[in-house]
């Protein structure tokens, strides 16, 4: 069975490129353009993995990570937070919110593949 993945990024080109890459890895992919749309998509069809931009409008990635971990119907989902910032404090905050991985933009296809592979091998969520 294919992994279900949500990509939430307000940069449409980036979201579509990431979604295509993930789909080529055999995953079923949905996209959302802002935090509210992402939350609706998460609740409508809980994914195995959610790639969330930290700077989404209407609810940022940190708020979404908190909402995912607080909701028993979603808490199984693995969370990948994406950011253009490379400060260690951002990664620490992301992990404190329950993120399983952090990708710093721009990231390459190899980083996405490695992240998918690592998260697919360890299905239990980090609380």
PDB file of N, CA and C in Angstrom:
ATOM      1  N   UNK A   1       0.843  -1.183   0.000  1.00  0.00           N
ATOM      2  CA  UNK A   1       0.000   0.000   0.000  1.00  0.00           C
ATOM      3  C   UNK A   1       0.891   1.251   0.000  1.00  0.00           C
ATOM      4  N   UNK A   2       0.542   2.205  -0.821  1.00  0.00           N
ATOM      5  CA  UNK A   2       1.328   3.434  -0.946  1.00  0.00           C
ATOM      6  C   UNK A   2       1.143   4.317   0.283  1.00  0.00           C
ATOM      7  N   UNK A   3       2.218   4.997   0.656  1.00  0.00           N
ATOM      8  CA  UNK A   3       2.132   5.986   1.725  1.00  0.00           C
ATOM      9  C   UNK A   3       1.274   7.150   1.263  1.00  0.00           C
ATOM     10  N   UNK A   4       0.464   7.679   2.161  1.00  0.00           N
ATOM     11  CA  UNK A   4      -0.323   8.887   1.907  1.00  0.00           C
ATOM     12  C   UNK A   4       0.480  10.063   2.431  1.00  0.00           C
ATOM     13  N   UNK A   5       0.696  11.075   1.585  1.00  0.00           N
ATOM     14  CA  UNK A   5       1.534  12.216   1.953  1.00  0.00           C
ATOM     15  C   UNK A   5       0.792  13.514   1.660  1.00  0.00           C
ATOM     16  N   UNK A   6       0.883  14.453   2.582  1.00  0.00           N
ATOM     17  CA  UNK A   6       0.361  15.807   2.368  1.00  0.00           C
ATOM     18  C   UNK A   6       1.542  16.757   2.243  1.00  0.00           C
ATOM     19  N   UNK A   7       1.501  17.606   1.221  1.00  0.00           N
ATOM     20  CA  UNK A   7       2.496  18.670   1.043  1.00  0.00           C
ATOM     21  C   UNK A   7       1.763  19.991   1.219  1.00  0.00           C
ATOM     22  N   UNK A   8       2.157  20.767   2.224  1.00  0.00           N
ATOM     23  CA  UNK A   8       1.536  22.073   2.480  1.00  0.00           C
ATOM     24  C   UNK A   8       2.598  23.148   2.327  1.00  0.00           C
ATOM     25  N   UNK A   9       2.464  23.939   1.261  1.00  0.00           N
ATOM     26  CA  UNK A   9       3.412  25.016   0.970  1.00  0.00           C
ATOM     27  C   UNK A   9       2.673  26.073   0.181  1.00  0.00           C
ATOM     28  N   UNK A  10       2.822  27.344   0.575  1.00  0.00           N
ATOM     29  CA  UNK A  10       2.123  28.422  -0.119  1.00  0.00           C
ATOM     30  C   UNK A  10       2.817  28.836  -1.409  1.00  0.00           C
ATOM     31  N   UNK A  11       4.006  28.333  -1.662  1.00  0.00           N
ATOM     32  CA  UNK A  11       4.682  28.569  -2.939  1.00  0.00           C
ATOM     33  C   UNK A  11       4.271  27.444  -3.886  1.00  0.00           C
ATOM     34  N   UNK A  12       3.327  27.757  -4.785  1.00  0.00           N
ATOM     35  CA  UNK A  12       2.708  26.732  -5.622  1.00  0.00           C
ATOM     36  C   UNK A  12       3.723  25.921  -6.422  1.00  0.00           C
ATOM     37  N   UNK A  13       4.699  26.571  -7.018  1.00  0.00           N
ATOM     38  CA  UNK A  13       5.693  25.845  -7.815  1.00  0.00           C
ATOM     39  C   UNK A  13       6.485  24.864  -6.958  1.00  0.00           C
ATOM     40  N   UNK A  14       6.871  25.306  -5.772  1.00  0.00           N
ATOM     41  CA  UNK A  14       7.615  24.438  -4.860  1.00  0.00           C
ATOM     42  C   UNK A  14       6.753  23.264  -4.408  1.00  0.00           C
ATOM     43  N   UNK A  15       5.496  23.535  -4.109  1.00  0.00           N
ATOM     44  CA  UNK A  15       4.587  22.476  -3.663  1.00  0.00           C
ATOM     45  C   UNK A  15       4.384  21.441  -4.758  1.00  0.00           C
ATOM     46  N   UNK A  16       4.175  21.907  -5.973  1.00  0.00           N
ATOM     47  CA  UNK A  16       3.944  20.976  -7.083  1.00  0.00           C
ATOM     48  C   UNK A  16       5.196  20.160  -7.410  1.00  0.00           C
ATOM     49  N   UNK A  17       6.354  20.796  -7.365  1.00  0.00           N
ATOM     50  CA  UNK A  17       7.602  20.067  -7.637  1.00  0.00           C
ATOM     51  C   UNK A  17       7.832  18.992  -6.574  1.00  0.00           C
ATOM     52  N   UNK A  18       7.612  19.337  -5.309  1.00  0.00           N
ATOM     53  CA  UNK A  18       7.780  18.370  -4.235  1.00  0.00           C
ATOM     54  C   UNK A  18       6.751  17.257  -4.358  1.00  0.00           C
ATOM     55  N   UNK A  19       5.515  17.600  -4.675  1.00  0.00           N
ATOM     56  CA  UNK A  19       4.463  16.591  -4.831  1.00  0.00           C
ATOM     57  C   UNK A  19       4.803  15.620  -5.963  1.00  0.00           C
ATOM     58  N   UNK A  20       5.315  16.132  -7.080  1.00  0.00           N
ATOM     59  CA  UNK A  20       5.693  15.249  -8.199  1.00  0.00           C
ATOM     60  C   UNK A  20       6.823  14.302  -7.792  1.00  0.00           C
ATOM     61  N   UNK A  21       7.809  14.839  -7.100  1.00  0.00           N
ATOM     62  CA  UNK A  21       8.930  14.019  -6.654  1.00  0.00           C
ATOM     63  C   UNK A  21       8.442  12.911  -5.717  1.00  0.00           C
ATOM     64  N   UNK A  22       7.598  13.251  -4.769  1.00  0.00           N
ATOM     65  CA  UNK A  22       7.086  12.265  -3.821  1.00  0.00           C
ATOM     66  C   UNK A  22       6.223  11.226  -4.535  1.00  0.00           C
ATOM     67  N   UNK A  23       5.418  11.663  -5.490  1.00  0.00           N
ATOM     68  CA  UNK A  23       4.588  10.731  -6.265  1.00  0.00           C
ATOM     69  C   UNK A  23       5.453   9.749  -7.051  1.00  0.00           C
ATOM     70  N   UNK A  24       6.573  10.232  -7.595  1.00  0.00           N
ATOM     71  CA  UNK A  24       7.483   9.333  -8.327  1.00  0.00           C
ATOM     72  C   UNK A  24       8.084   8.274  -7.416  1.00  0.00           C
ATOM     73  N   UNK A  25       8.070   8.523  -6.118  1.00  0.00           N
ATOM     74  CA  UNK A  25       8.562   7.536  -5.153  1.00  0.00           C
ATOM     75  C   UNK A  25       7.468   6.529  -4.775  1.00  0.00           C
ATOM     76  N   UNK A  26       6.314   6.625  -5.426  1.00  0.00           N
ATOM     77  CA  UNK A  26       5.244   5.660  -5.201  1.00  0.00           C
ATOM     78  C   UNK A  26       4.223   6.037  -4.149  1.00  0.00           C
ATOM     79  N   UNK A  27       4.243   7.283  -3.711  1.00  0.00           N
ATOM     80  CA  UNK A  27       3.311   7.751  -2.681  1.00  0.00           C
ATOM     81  C   UNK A  27       2.096   8.420  -3.311  1.00  0.00           C
ATOM     82  N   UNK A  28       0.979   8.377  -2.599  1.00  0.00           N
ATOM     83  CA  UNK A  28      -0.204   9.146  -2.987  1.00  0.00           C
ATOM     84  C   UNK A  28      -0.056  10.513  -2.324  1.00  0.00           C
ATOM     85  N   UNK A  29      -0.206  11.591  -3.110  1.00  0.00           N
ATOM     86  CA  UNK A  29       0.098  12.929  -2.607  1.00  0.00           C
ATOM     87  C   UNK A  29      -1.092  13.874  -2.765  1.00  0.00           C
ATOM     88  N   UNK A  30      -1.343  14.634  -1.706  1.00  0.00           N
ATOM     89  CA  UNK A  30      -2.300  15.743  -1.743  1.00  0.00           C
ATOM     90  C   UNK A  30      -1.522  17.008  -1.407  1.00  0.00           C
ATOM     91  N   UNK A  31      -2.031  18.159  -1.854  1.00  0.00           N
ATOM     92  CA  UNK A  31      -1.364  19.429  -1.561  1.00  0.00           C
ATOM     93  C   UNK A  31      -2.349  20.405  -0.922  1.00  0.00           C
ATOM     94  N   UNK A  32      -1.780  21.368  -0.197  1.00  0.00           N
ATOM     95  CA  UNK A  32      -2.565  22.447   0.412  1.00  0.00           C
ATOM     96  C   UNK A  32      -1.746  23.722   0.324  1.00  0.00           C
ATOM     97  N   UNK A  33      -2.420  24.855   0.123  1.00  0.00           N
ATOM     98  CA  UNK A  33      -1.727  26.127  -0.104  1.00  0.00           C
ATOM     99  C   UNK A  33      -1.608  27.005   1.134  1.00  0.00           C
ATOM    100  N   UNK A  34      -2.299  26.650   2.216  1.00  0.00           N
ATOM    101  CA  UNK A  34      -2.167  27.416   3.459  1.00  0.00           C
ATOM    102  C   UNK A  34      -2.495  26.512   4.635  1.00  0.00           C
ATOM    103  N   UNK A  35      -2.305  27.031   5.827  1.00  0.00           N
ATOM    104  CA  UNK A  35      -2.482  26.222   7.021  1.00  0.00           C
ATOM    105  C   UNK A  35      -3.896  25.735   7.260  1.00  0.00           C
ATOM    106  N   UNK A  36      -4.878  26.558   6.955  1.00  0.00           N
ATOM    107  CA  UNK A  36      -6.273  26.132   7.129  1.00  0.00           C
ATOM    108  C   UNK A  36      -6.626  25.021   6.154  1.00  0.00           C
ATOM    109  N   UNK A  37      -6.194  25.162   4.890  1.00  0.00           N
ATOM    110  CA  UNK A  37      -6.439  24.112   3.905  1.00  0.00           C
ATOM    111  C   UNK A  37      -5.699  22.831   4.290  1.00  0.00           C
ATOM    112  N   UNK A  38      -4.510  22.979   4.838  1.00  0.00           N
ATOM    113  CA  UNK A  38      -3.744  21.809   5.273  1.00  0.00           C
ATOM    114  C   UNK A  38      -4.466  21.089   6.409  1.00  0.00           C
ATOM    115  N   UNK A  39      -4.978  21.846   7.380  1.00  0.00           N
ATOM    116  CA  UNK A  39      -5.684  21.229   8.497  1.00  0.00           C
ATOM    117  C   UNK A  39      -6.934  20.502   8.009  1.00  0.00           C
ATOM    118  N   UNK A  40      -7.656  21.105   7.071  1.00  0.00           N
ATOM    119  CA  UNK A  40      -8.844  20.453   6.506  1.00  0.00           C
ATOM    120  C   UNK A  40      -8.449  19.162   5.785  1.00  0.00           C
ATOM    121  N   UNK A  41      -7.367  19.204   5.014  1.00  0.00           N
ATOM    122  CA  UNK A  41      -6.901  18.009   4.299  1.00  0.00           C
ATOM    123  C   UNK A  41      -6.444  16.933   5.278  1.00  0.00           C
ATOM    124  N   UNK A  42      -5.750  17.339   6.336  1.00  0.00           N
ATOM    125  CA  UNK A  42      -5.302  16.390   7.352  1.00  0.00           C
ATOM    126  C   UNK A  42      -6.484  15.667   7.979  1.00  0.00           C
ATOM    127  N   UNK A  43      -7.525  16.406   8.286  1.00  0.00           N
ATOM    128  CA  UNK A  43      -8.694  15.815   8.938  1.00  0.00           C
ATOM    129  C   UNK A  43      -9.537  14.984   7.975  1.00  0.00           C
ATOM    130  N   UNK A  44      -9.591  15.388   6.711  1.00  0.00           N
ATOM    131  CA  UNK A  44     -10.394  14.662   5.723  1.00  0.00           C
ATOM    132  C   UNK A  44      -9.772  13.321   5.363  1.00  0.00           C
ATOM    133  N   UNK A  45      -8.471  13.295   5.279  1.00  0.00           N
ATOM    134  CA  UNK A  45      -7.765  12.074   4.884  1.00  0.00           C
ATOM    135  C   UNK A  45      -6.404  12.063   5.584  1.00  0.00           C
ATOM    136  N   UNK A  46      -6.362  11.603   6.821  1.00  0.00           N
ATOM    137  CA  UNK A  46      -5.113  11.648   7.583  1.00  0.00           C
ATOM    138  C   UNK A  46      -3.961  10.962   6.842  1.00  0.00           C
ATOM    139  N   UNK A  47      -2.874  11.694   6.602  1.00  0.00           N
ATOM    140  CA  UNK A  47      -1.755  11.120   5.855  1.00  0.00           C
ATOM    141  C   UNK A  47      -0.809  10.345   6.773  1.00  0.00           C
ATOM    142  N   UNK A  48       0.059   9.581   6.140  1.00  0.00           N
ATOM    143  CA  UNK A  48       1.134   8.919   6.875  1.00  0.00           C
ATOM    144  C   UNK A  48       2.239   9.923   7.193  1.00  0.00           C
ATOM    145  N   UNK A  49       2.488  10.829   6.239  1.00  0.00           N
ATOM    146  CA  UNK A  49       3.551  11.830   6.366  1.00  0.00           C
ATOM    147  C   UNK A  49       3.014  13.177   5.897  1.00  0.00           C
ATOM    148  N   UNK A  50       3.333  14.238   6.644  1.00  0.00           N
ATOM    149  CA  UNK A  50       2.951  15.600   6.255  1.00  0.00           C
ATOM    150  C   UNK A  50       4.207  16.453   6.134  1.00  0.00           C
ATOM    151  N   UNK A  51       4.433  17.013   4.944  1.00  0.00           N
ATOM    152  CA  UNK A  51       5.505  17.974   4.700  1.00  0.00           C
ATOM    153  C   UNK A  51       4.877  19.353   4.858  1.00  0.00           C
ATOM    154  N   UNK A  52       5.280  20.094   5.883  1.00  0.00           N
ATOM    155  CA  UNK A  52       4.644  21.364   6.222  1.00  0.00           C
ATOM    156  C   UNK A  52       5.651  22.508   6.183  1.00  0.00           C
ATOM    157  N   UNK A  53       5.342  23.536   5.411  1.00  0.00           N
ATOM    158  CA  UNK A  53       6.178  24.732   5.401  1.00  0.00           C
ATOM    159  C   UNK A  53       5.995  25.449   6.735  1.00  0.00           C
ATOM    160  N   UNK A  54       7.096  25.867   7.349  1.00  0.00           N
ATOM    161  CA  UNK A  54       7.004  26.552   8.639  1.00  0.00           C
ATOM    162  C   UNK A  54       6.346  27.918   8.527  1.00  0.00           C
ATOM    163  N   UNK A  55       6.359  28.524   7.335  1.00  0.00           N
ATOM    164  CA  UNK A  55       5.864  29.888   7.170  1.00  0.00           C
ATOM    165  C   UNK A  55       4.557  29.952   6.386  1.00  0.00           C
ATOM    166  N   UNK A  56       3.707  28.965   6.545  1.00  0.00           N
ATOM    167  CA  UNK A  56       2.412  28.978   5.864  1.00  0.00           C
ATOM    168  C   UNK A  56       1.534  30.115   6.380  1.00  0.00           C
ATOM    169  N   UNK A  57       0.730  30.727   5.494  1.00  0.00           N
ATOM    170  CA  UNK A  57      -0.262  31.691   5.977  1.00  0.00           C
ATOM    171  C   UNK A  57      -1.437  30.962   6.625  1.00  0.00           C
ATOM    172  N   UNK A  58      -2.155  31.662   7.453  1.00  0.00           N
ATOM    173  CA  UNK A  58      -3.396  31.228   8.110  1.00  0.00           C
ATOM    174  C   UNK A  58      -3.197  30.188   9.200  1.00  0.00           C
ATOM    175  N   UNK A  59      -2.135  29.490   9.261  1.00  0.00           N
ATOM    176  CA  UNK A  59      -1.662  28.611  10.340  1.00  0.00           C
ATOM    177  C   UNK A  59      -0.294  28.162   9.882  1.00  0.00           C
ATOM    178  N   UNK A  60       0.717  28.431  10.668  1.00  0.00           N
ATOM    179  CA  UNK A  60       2.051  28.051  10.211  1.00  0.00           C
ATOM    180  C   UNK A  60       2.339  26.587  10.550  1.00  0.00           C
ATOM    181  N   UNK A  61       3.480  26.120  10.092  1.00  0.00           N
ATOM    182  CA  UNK A  61       3.846  24.726  10.295  1.00  0.00           C
ATOM    183  C   UNK A  61       3.938  24.328  11.747  1.00  0.00           C
ATOM    184  N   UNK A  62       4.388  25.252  12.598  1.00  0.00           N
ATOM    185  CA  UNK A  62       4.471  24.953  14.030  1.00  0.00           C
ATOM    186  C   UNK A  62       3.076  24.720  14.613  1.00  0.00           C
ATOM    187  N   UNK A  63       2.119  25.577  14.249  1.00  0.00           N
ATOM    188  CA  UNK A  63       0.748  25.412  14.733  1.00  0.00           C
ATOM    189  C   UNK A  63       0.154  24.100  14.243  1.00  0.00           C
ATOM    190  N   UNK A  64       0.440  23.767  12.975  1.00  0.00           N
ATOM    191  CA  UNK A  64      -0.076  22.514  12.426  1.00  0.00           C
ATOM    192  C   UNK A  64       0.547  21.311  13.119  1.00  0.00           C
ATOM    193  N   UNK A  65       1.847  21.362  13.381  1.00  0.00           N
ATOM    194  CA  UNK A  65       2.508  20.256  14.073  1.00  0.00           C
ATOM    195  C   UNK A  65       1.869  20.047  15.448  1.00  0.00           C
ATOM    196  N   UNK A  66       1.622  21.137  16.162  1.00  0.00           N
ATOM    197  CA  UNK A  66       0.982  21.051  17.470  1.00  0.00           C
ATOM    198  C   UNK A  66      -0.415  20.438  17.344  1.00  0.00           C
ATOM    199  N   UNK A  67      -1.186  20.874  16.339  1.00  0.00           N
ATOM    200  CA  UNK A  67      -2.540  20.354  16.131  1.00  0.00           C
ATOM    201  C   UNK A  67      -2.513  18.863  15.794  1.00  0.00           C
ATOM    202  N   UNK A  68      -1.546  18.446  14.995  1.00  0.00           N
ATOM    203  CA  UNK A  68      -1.431  17.034  14.635  1.00  0.00           C
ATOM    204  C   UNK A  68      -1.141  16.196  15.871  1.00  0.00           C
ATOM    205  N   UNK A  69      -0.182  16.613  16.662  1.00  0.00           N
ATOM    206  CA  UNK A  69       0.200  15.834  17.851  1.00  0.00           C
ATOM    207  C   UNK A  69      -0.905  15.828  18.909  1.00  0.00           C
ATOM    208  N   UNK A  70      -1.747  16.869  18.931  1.00  0.00           N
ATOM    209  CA  UNK A  70      -2.813  16.967  19.927  1.00  0.00           C
ATOM    210  C   UNK A  70      -4.067  16.185  19.536  1.00  0.00           C
ATOM    211  N   UNK A  71      -4.184  15.786  18.281  1.00  0.00           N
ATOM    212  CA  UNK A  71      -5.385  15.118  17.786  1.00  0.00           C
ATOM    213  C   UNK A  71      -5.127  13.616  17.663  1.00  0.00           C
ATOM    214  N   UNK A  72      -5.804  12.784  18.451  1.00  0.00           N
ATOM    215  CA  UNK A  72      -5.566  11.343  18.391  1.00  0.00           C
ATOM    216  C   UNK A  72      -5.785  10.736  17.001  1.00  0.00           C
ATOM    217  N   UNK A  73      -6.653  11.333  16.198  1.00  0.00           N
ATOM    218  CA  UNK A  73      -6.899  10.817  14.853  1.00  0.00           C
ATOM    219  C   UNK A  73      -5.758  11.134  13.887  1.00  0.00           C
ATOM    220  N   UNK A  74      -4.915  12.103  14.257  1.00  0.00           N
ATOM    221  CA  UNK A  74      -3.818  12.521  13.384  1.00  0.00           C
ATOM    222  C   UNK A  74      -2.440  12.221  13.948  1.00  0.00           C
ATOM    223  N   UNK A  75      -2.363  11.944  15.229  1.00  0.00           N
ATOM    224  CA  UNK A  75      -1.068  11.889  15.910  1.00  0.00           C
ATOM    225  C   UNK A  75      -0.120  10.824  15.386  1.00  0.00           C
ATOM    226  N   UNK A  76      -0.625   9.868  14.608  1.00  0.00           N
ATOM    227  CA  UNK A  76       0.247   8.855  14.006  1.00  0.00           C
ATOM    228  C   UNK A  76       1.098   9.425  12.868  1.00  0.00           C
ATOM    229  N   UNK A  77       0.671  10.539  12.304  1.00  0.00           N
ATOM    230  CA  UNK A  77       1.339  11.093  11.119  1.00  0.00           C
ATOM    231  C   UNK A  77       2.764  11.523  11.450  1.00  0.00           C
ATOM    232  N   UNK A  78       3.663  11.241  10.543  1.00  0.00           N
ATOM    233  CA  UNK A  78       5.035  11.710  10.650  1.00  0.00           C
ATOM    234  C   UNK A  78       5.052  13.137  10.116  1.00  0.00           C
ATOM    235  N   UNK A  79       5.812  14.024  10.729  1.00  0.00           N
ATOM    236  CA  UNK A  79       5.828  15.437  10.362  1.00  0.00           C
ATOM    237  C   UNK A  79       7.214  15.841   9.886  1.00  0.00           C
ATOM    238  N   UNK A  80       7.252  16.457   8.695  1.00  0.00           N
ATOM    239  CA  UNK A  80       8.479  17.035   8.159  1.00  0.00           C
ATOM    240  C   UNK A  80       8.229  18.529   8.025  1.00  0.00           C
ATOM    241  N   UNK A  81       8.933  19.337   8.811  1.00  0.00           N
ATOM    242  CA  UNK A  81       8.804  20.782   8.702  1.00  0.00           C
ATOM    243  C   UNK A  81       9.866  21.300   7.742  1.00  0.00           C
ATOM    244  N   UNK A  82       9.449  22.220   6.876  1.00  0.00           N
ATOM    245  CA  UNK A  82      10.344  22.783   5.863  1.00  0.00           C
ATOM    246  C   UNK A  82      10.504  24.273   6.122  1.00  0.00           C
ATOM    247  N   UNK A  83      11.740  24.763   5.975  1.00  0.00           N
ATOM    248  CA  UNK A  83      12.006  26.170   6.253  1.00  0.00           C
ATOM    249  C   UNK A  83      13.166  26.670   5.406  1.00  0.00           C
ATOM    250  N   UNK A  84      13.163  27.966   5.165  1.00  0.00           N
ATOM    251  CA  UNK A  84      14.309  28.587   4.491  1.00  0.00           C
ATOM    252  C   UNK A  84      15.372  28.972   5.501  1.00  0.00           C
ATOM    253  N   UNK A  85      15.040  28.877   6.787  1.00  0.00           N
ATOM    254  CA  UNK A  85      15.985  29.231   7.848  1.00  0.00           C
ATOM    255  C   UNK A  85      16.796  28.017   8.261  1.00  0.00           C
ATOM    256  N   UNK A  86      18.061  28.243   8.535  1.00  0.00           N
ATOM    257  CA  UNK A  86      18.939  27.137   8.914  1.00  0.00           C
ATOM    258  C   UNK A  86      19.446  27.274  10.333  1.00  0.00           C
ATOM    259  N   UNK A  87      18.781  28.081  11.145  1.00  0.00           N
ATOM    260  CA  UNK A  87      19.241  28.275  12.525  1.00  0.00           C
ATOM    261  C   UNK A  87      18.936  27.031  13.354  1.00  0.00           C
ATOM    262  N   UNK A  88      19.869  26.596  14.169  1.00  0.00           N
ATOM    263  CA  UNK A  88      19.635  25.412  15.012  1.00  0.00           C
ATOM    264  C   UNK A  88      18.407  25.539  15.906  1.00  0.00           C
ATOM    265  N   UNK A  89      18.108  26.751  16.367  1.00  0.00           N
ATOM    266  CA  UNK A  89      16.955  26.932  17.243  1.00  0.00           C
ATOM    267  C   UNK A  89      15.662  26.554  16.532  1.00  0.00           C
ATOM    268  N   UNK A  90      15.567  26.764  15.227  1.00  0.00           N
ATOM    269  CA  UNK A  90      14.362  26.392  14.493  1.00  0.00           C
ATOM    270  C   UNK A  90      14.180  24.878  14.493  1.00  0.00           C
ATOM    271  N   UNK A  91      15.272  24.147  14.284  1.00  0.00           N
ATOM    272  CA  UNK A  91      15.207  22.689  14.322  1.00  0.00           C
ATOM    273  C   UNK A  91      14.849  22.178  15.704  1.00  0.00           C
ATOM    274  N   UNK A  92      15.398  22.798  16.726  1.00  0.00           N
ATOM    275  CA  UNK A  92      15.093  22.407  18.103  1.00  0.00           C
ATOM    276  C   UNK A  92      13.619  22.654  18.417  1.00  0.00           C
ATOM    277  N   UNK A  93      13.102  23.804  17.989  1.00  0.00           N
ATOM    278  CA  UNK A  93      11.694  24.116  18.223  1.00  0.00           C
ATOM    279  C   UNK A  93      10.803  23.136  17.470  1.00  0.00           C
ATOM    280  N   UNK A  94      11.180  22.825  16.236  1.00  0.00           N
ATOM    281  CA  UNK A  94      10.391  21.894  15.428  1.00  0.00           C
ATOM    282  C   UNK A  94      10.322  20.523  16.097  1.00  0.00           C
ATOM    283  N   UNK A  95      11.447  20.047  16.561  1.00  0.00           N
ATOM    284  CA  UNK A  95      11.460  18.735  17.218  1.00  0.00           C
ATOM    285  C   UNK A  95      10.699  18.766  18.542  1.00  0.00           C
ATOM    286  N   UNK A  96      10.750  19.884  19.246  1.00  0.00           N
ATOM    287  CA  UNK A  96       9.994  20.016  20.492  1.00  0.00           C
ATOM    288  C   UNK A  96       8.489  19.943  20.230  1.00  0.00           C
ATOM    289  N   UNK A  97       8.067  20.365  19.042  1.00  0.00           N
ATOM    290  CA  UNK A  97       6.656  20.305  18.669  1.00  0.00           C
ATOM    291  C   UNK A  97       6.266  18.939  18.118  1.00  0.00           C
ATOM    292  N   UNK A  98       7.225  18.037  18.008  1.00  0.00           N
ATOM    293  CA  UNK A  98       6.919  16.690  17.536  1.00  0.00           C
ATOM    294  C   UNK A  98       7.283  16.426  16.097  1.00  0.00           C
ATOM    295  N   UNK A  99       8.036  17.309  15.465  1.00  0.00           N
ATOM    296  CA  UNK A  99       8.454  17.059  14.081  1.00  0.00           C
ATOM    297  C   UNK A  99       9.433  15.883  14.051  1.00  0.00           C
ATOM    298  N   UNK A 100       9.299  15.056  13.043  1.00  0.00           N
ATOM    299  CA  UNK A 100      10.181  13.908  12.870  1.00  0.00           C
ATOM    300  C   UNK A 100      11.413  14.267  12.056  1.00  0.00           C
ATOM    301  N   UNK A 101      11.303  15.336  11.260  1.00  0.00           N
ATOM    302  CA  UNK A 101      12.424  15.769  10.423  1.00  0.00           C
ATOM    303  C   UNK A 101      12.237  17.238  10.069  1.00  0.00           C
ATOM    304  N   UNK A 102      13.355  17.880   9.742  1.00  0.00           N
ATOM    305  CA  UNK A 102      13.349  19.265   9.291  1.00  0.00           C
ATOM    306  C   UNK A 102      14.181  19.321   8.018  1.00  0.00           C
ATOM    307  N   UNK A 103      13.622  19.912   6.977  1.00  0.00           N
ATOM    308  CA  UNK A 103      14.353  20.129   5.724  1.00  0.00           C
ATOM    309  C   UNK A 103      14.534  21.625   5.528  1.00  0.00           C
ATOM    310  N   UNK A 104      15.757  22.033   5.236  1.00  0.00           N
ATOM    311  CA  UNK A 104      16.050  23.439   4.997  1.00  0.00           C
ATOM    312  C   UNK A 104      16.033  23.687   3.496  1.00  0.00           C
ATOM    313  N   UNK A 105      15.191  24.638   3.075  1.00  0.00           N
ATOM    314  CA  UNK A 105      15.074  25.001   1.655  1.00  0.00           C
ATOM    315  C   UNK A 105      16.270  25.848   1.236  1.00  0.00           C
ATOM    316  N   UNK A 106      16.751  25.700   0.032  1.00  0.00           N
ATOM    317  CA  UNK A 106      16.331  24.693  -0.948  1.00  0.00           C
ATOM    318  C   UNK A 106      16.962  23.339  -0.625  1.00  0.00           C
ATOM    319  N   UNK A 107      16.178  22.302  -0.743  1.00  0.00           N
ATOM    320  CA  UNK A 107      16.697  20.952  -0.534  1.00  0.00           C
ATOM    321  C   UNK A 107      16.552  20.189  -1.834  1.00  0.00           C
ATOM    322  N   UNK A 108      17.344  19.162  -1.976  1.00  0.00           N
ATOM    323  CA  UNK A 108      17.358  18.385  -3.205  1.00  0.00           C
ATOM    324  C   UNK A 108      16.517  17.128  -3.123  1.00  0.00           C
ATOM    325  N   UNK A 109      16.394  16.489  -4.254  1.00  0.00           N
ATOM    326  CA  UNK A 109      15.615  15.255  -4.352  1.00  0.00           C
ATOM    327  C   UNK A 109      16.172  14.167  -3.444  1.00  0.00           C
ATOM    328  N   UNK A 110      17.489  14.093  -3.330  1.00  0.00           N
ATOM    329  CA  UNK A 110      18.090  13.067  -2.474  1.00  0.00           C
ATOM    330  C   UNK A 110      17.672  13.243  -1.015  1.00  0.00           C
ATOM    331  N   UNK A 111      17.575  14.482  -0.548  1.00  0.00           N
ATOM    332  CA  UNK A 111      17.154  14.734   0.834  1.00  0.00           C
ATOM    333  C   UNK A 111      15.708  14.293   1.040  1.00  0.00           C
ATOM    334  N   UNK A 112      14.853  14.538   0.062  1.00  0.00           N
ATOM    335  CA  UNK A 112      13.450  14.130   0.160  1.00  0.00           C
ATOM    336  C   UNK A 112      13.352  12.609   0.172  1.00  0.00           C
ATOM    337  N   UNK A 113      14.067  11.967  -0.751  1.00  0.00           N
ATOM    338  CA  UNK A 113      14.046  10.495  -0.806  1.00  0.00           C
ATOM    339  C   UNK A 113      14.549   9.889   0.503  1.00  0.00           C
ATOM    340  N   UNK A 114      15.630  10.433   1.034  1.00  0.00           N
ATOM    341  CA  UNK A 114      16.186   9.919   2.288  1.00  0.00           C
ATOM    342  C   UNK A 114      15.195  10.108   3.438  1.00  0.00           C
ATOM    343  N   UNK A 115      14.527  11.240   3.470  1.00  0.00           N
ATOM    344  CA  UNK A 115      13.547  11.516   4.520  1.00  0.00           C
ATOM    345  C   UNK A 115      12.367  10.556   4.412  1.00  0.00           C
ATOM    346  N   UNK A 116      11.850  10.370   3.194  1.00  0.00           N
ATOM    347  CA  UNK A 116      10.745   9.424   2.993  1.00  0.00           C
ATOM    348  C   UNK A 116      11.149   8.026   3.428  1.00  0.00           C
ATOM    349  N   UNK A 117      12.330   7.600   3.017  1.00  0.00           N
ATOM    350  CA  UNK A 117      12.796   6.251   3.351  1.00  0.00           C
ATOM    351  C   UNK A 117      12.940   6.080   4.859  1.00  0.00           C
ATOM    352  N   UNK A 118      13.518   7.061   5.519  1.00  0.00           N
ATOM    353  CA  UNK A 118      13.705   6.970   6.965  1.00  0.00           C
ATOM    354  C   UNK A 118      12.367   6.928   7.696  1.00  0.00           C
ATOM    355  N   UNK A 119      11.429   7.757   7.284  1.00  0.00           N
ATOM    356  CA  UNK A 119      10.142   7.805   7.968  1.00  0.00           C
ATOM    357  C   UNK A 119       9.285   6.587   7.650  1.00  0.00           C
ATOM    358  N   UNK A 120       9.433   6.038   6.461  1.00  0.00           N
ATOM    359  CA  UNK A 120       8.675   4.833   6.090  1.00  0.00           C
ATOM    360  C   UNK A 120       9.175   3.619   6.873  1.00  0.00           C
ATOM    361  N   UNK A 121      10.457   3.619   7.223  1.00  0.00           N
ATOM    362  CA  UNK A 121      11.027   2.491   7.989  1.00  0.00           C
ATOM    363  C   UNK A 121      10.643   2.533   9.450  1.00  0.00           C
ATOM    364  N   UNK A 122      10.284   3.710   9.947  1.00  0.00           N
ATOM    365  CA  UNK A 122       9.974   3.857  11.371  1.00  0.00           C
ATOM    366  C   UNK A 122       8.578   4.455  11.503  1.00  0.00           C
ATOM    367  N   UNK A 123       7.548   3.627  11.384  1.00  0.00           N
ATOM    368  CA  UNK A 123       6.177   4.147  11.332  1.00  0.00           C
ATOM    369  C   UNK A 123       5.651   4.768  12.611  1.00  0.00           C
ATOM    370  N   UNK A 124       6.243   4.513  13.749  1.00  0.00           N
ATOM    371  CA  UNK A 124       5.716   5.108  14.968  1.00  0.00           C
ATOM    372  C   UNK A 124       6.027   6.596  14.991  1.00  0.00           C
ATOM    373  N   UNK A 125       5.056   7.381  15.392  1.00  0.00           N
ATOM    374  CA  UNK A 125       5.233   8.836  15.431  1.00  0.00           C
ATOM    375  C   UNK A 125       6.051   9.235  16.645  1.00  0.00           C
ATOM    376  N   UNK A 126       6.760  10.333  16.492  1.00  0.00           N
ATOM    377  CA  UNK A 126       7.501  10.902  17.616  1.00  0.00           C
ATOM    378  C   UNK A 126       6.566  11.836  18.349  1.00  0.00           C
ATOM    379  N   UNK A 127       6.320  11.571  19.597  1.00  0.00           N
ATOM    380  CA  UNK A 127       5.379  12.416  20.335  1.00  0.00           C
ATOM    381  C   UNK A 127       6.106  13.540  21.027  1.00  0.00           C
TER     382      UNK A 127
END
